[in-house]
Protein backbone atom coordinates (compact mmCIF):
# COMPACT_ATOMS: atom_id res chain seq x y z
CA MET A 1 9.65 -67.43 21.69
CA SER A 2 13.17 -66.72 20.20
CA ALA A 3 15.40 -63.65 21.45
CA LYS A 4 15.05 -62.70 17.37
CA TYR A 5 11.71 -61.80 18.15
CA PHE A 6 12.58 -59.21 21.24
CA ASN A 7 15.04 -57.92 19.53
CA LYS A 8 13.80 -56.68 16.29
CA GLN A 9 12.81 -52.90 15.87
CA ASP A 10 10.02 -51.89 13.93
CA GLY A 11 9.61 -47.60 13.66
CA PHE A 12 12.05 -44.37 13.42
CA SER A 13 15.07 -44.19 15.85
CA PHE A 14 14.89 -40.34 17.92
CA VAL A 15 17.02 -38.95 15.65
CA GLU A 16 15.64 -39.58 12.84
CA VAL A 17 12.18 -38.14 14.34
CA LEU A 18 14.07 -35.60 15.68
CA VAL A 19 15.60 -34.36 11.95
CA ALA A 20 12.61 -34.60 9.96
CA THR A 21 10.76 -32.58 12.36
CA SER A 22 13.17 -29.92 12.13
CA ILE A 23 13.23 -30.28 8.44
CA LEU A 24 8.99 -30.10 8.40
CA ALA A 25 9.77 -26.48 10.80
CA PHE A 26 11.93 -24.59 8.23
CA VAL A 27 10.02 -25.36 5.16
CA VAL A 28 6.53 -24.69 7.02
CA VAL A 29 7.94 -21.36 8.42
CA GLY A 30 9.30 -20.37 5.20
CA VAL A 31 6.05 -21.17 3.74
CA LEU A 32 4.14 -18.23 6.25
CA THR A 33 6.75 -15.85 5.80
CA MET A 34 6.91 -16.26 1.85
CA THR A 35 2.54 -15.63 2.86
CA THR A 36 3.04 -12.71 5.02
CA THR A 37 4.82 -11.21 3.20
CA HIS A 38 3.02 -11.73 -0.32
CA ILE A 39 -0.15 -10.13 1.84
CA LYS A 40 1.92 -6.80 3.21
CA ILE A 41 3.03 -6.47 -0.41
CA ASN A 42 -0.74 -6.96 -1.79
CA CYS A 43 -2.01 -4.66 0.95
CA PHE A 44 0.50 -1.93 0.35
CA ALA A 45 -0.18 -2.32 -3.86
CA ILE A 46 -4.08 -1.43 -2.97
CA HIS A 47 -3.28 1.28 -1.26
CA HIS A 48 -1.11 2.77 -3.99
CA THR A 49 -3.68 2.02 -6.93
CA ARG A 50 -6.46 4.27 -4.75
CA ALA A 51 -3.68 6.72 -3.55
CA VAL A 52 -2.82 7.41 -7.05
CA GLN A 53 -6.92 7.40 -8.10
CA LEU A 54 -6.92 9.88 -5.62
CA ALA A 55 -5.04 12.08 -6.99
CA GLU A 56 -6.00 11.96 -10.25
CA ASP A 57 -9.33 12.59 -9.77
CA ALA A 58 -8.68 16.13 -7.41
CA VAL A 59 -6.14 16.96 -10.49
CA GLU A 60 -8.91 16.31 -13.07
CA ARG A 61 -11.70 18.11 -10.41
CA LEU A 62 -9.77 21.10 -11.02
CA ARG A 63 -8.80 20.93 -14.69
CA ARG A 64 -12.23 21.35 -15.74
CA MET A 65 -12.23 24.64 -13.17
CA ASP A 66 -12.71 27.45 -15.30
CA PHE A 67 -9.72 29.40 -14.56
CA THR A 68 -11.35 32.54 -12.32
CA ALA A 69 -12.54 29.38 -10.20
CA VAL A 70 -9.08 28.44 -9.95
CA GLN A 71 -7.53 31.55 -9.66
CA THR A 72 -9.03 31.51 -5.81
CA PHE A 73 -9.00 27.95 -5.04
CA GLY A 74 -5.36 28.28 -2.68
CA THR A 75 -5.30 24.26 -1.78
CA VAL A 76 -7.30 22.27 0.18
CA THR A 77 -6.32 19.22 2.40
CA GLU A 78 -8.96 16.40 3.14
CA ALA A 79 -8.13 15.01 6.54
CA TYR A 80 -8.03 11.40 7.50
CA GLY A 81 -11.94 10.30 7.77
CA SER A 82 -12.86 13.35 5.35
CA ILE A 83 -12.93 11.39 1.95
CA GLU A 84 -16.14 9.52 1.47
CA ASN A 85 -15.35 6.01 1.19
CA TYR A 86 -11.46 6.29 1.23
CA SER A 87 -11.21 6.97 5.78
CA ASP A 88 -7.52 5.83 5.90
CA PHE A 89 -6.49 8.46 2.91
CA THR A 90 -5.29 12.24 3.62
CA ARG A 91 -5.24 14.09 -0.06
CA THR A 92 -4.14 18.12 -0.49
CA ILE A 93 -4.99 19.73 -3.59
CA SER A 94 -3.26 22.60 -4.73
CA ALA A 95 -3.42 25.62 -6.99
CA THR A 96 -0.52 28.38 -7.87
CA ILE A 97 -0.80 30.89 -10.51
CA ILE A 98 2.63 30.97 -12.37
CA ASP A 99 2.22 33.85 -15.03
CA ALA A 100 -1.25 34.90 -16.68
CA ASP A 101 -1.70 32.07 -19.00
CA ASN A 102 -0.30 29.23 -16.91
CA TYR A 103 -0.68 27.36 -13.45
CA ARG A 104 0.08 24.82 -12.24
CA ILE A 105 -1.85 21.84 -10.12
CA THR A 106 -0.64 19.57 -7.85
CA ALA A 107 -2.27 16.55 -5.85
CA THR A 108 -0.49 14.82 -2.97
CA VAL A 109 -2.45 11.67 -1.46
CA ARG A 110 -0.90 10.06 1.80
CA TRP A 111 -2.70 6.83 3.24
CA ARG A 112 -2.09 5.33 6.98
CA SER A 113 -1.71 1.53 7.29
CA GLN A 114 -1.31 -0.22 10.81
CA GLY A 115 -1.16 3.24 12.34
CA VAL A 116 2.21 4.28 10.23
CA ASP A 117 1.54 6.80 7.59
CA SER A 118 2.93 6.40 3.71
CA SER A 119 5.22 8.54 1.65
CA PRO A 120 3.30 11.04 -0.20
CA ILE A 121 1.77 10.29 -3.80
CA THR A 122 2.00 13.33 -5.76
CA PHE A 123 0.60 14.34 -8.95
CA SER A 124 1.50 17.96 -10.72
CA ILE A 125 0.67 19.19 -13.92
CA ILE A 126 1.16 22.79 -15.38
CA ARG A 127 -2.21 24.04 -17.46
CA THR A 128 -2.09 26.85 -20.06
CA LEU A 129 -5.21 28.87 -21.17
CA SER A 130 -4.47 29.93 -24.28
């Protein structure tokens, strides 16, 4: 056997493997970070949509009530866990008489995600009797 056969180097050097591994690690970390961010944004969007639905439902419920019932309604708060199928949400509904022909209906909804309360979603309308 000749010395040429033993000096022949097949494969990659340590530096080449180190560079390739570093590039792969940066790509994987970037993809994982992006995926995590998208999951958080999607979760927020789902909670926000549900909060809007709960607020709209509360406003519509009070709009259907007759004025004498609304005059005595006041403010009602539904705590976390008391709204069926929405245990992570709390809702405050109020009816305020403005004058003899007008009243304001306000619904405020919050949710709790990973132990942190969200900013409130508030819907408010003024209803005229005539």
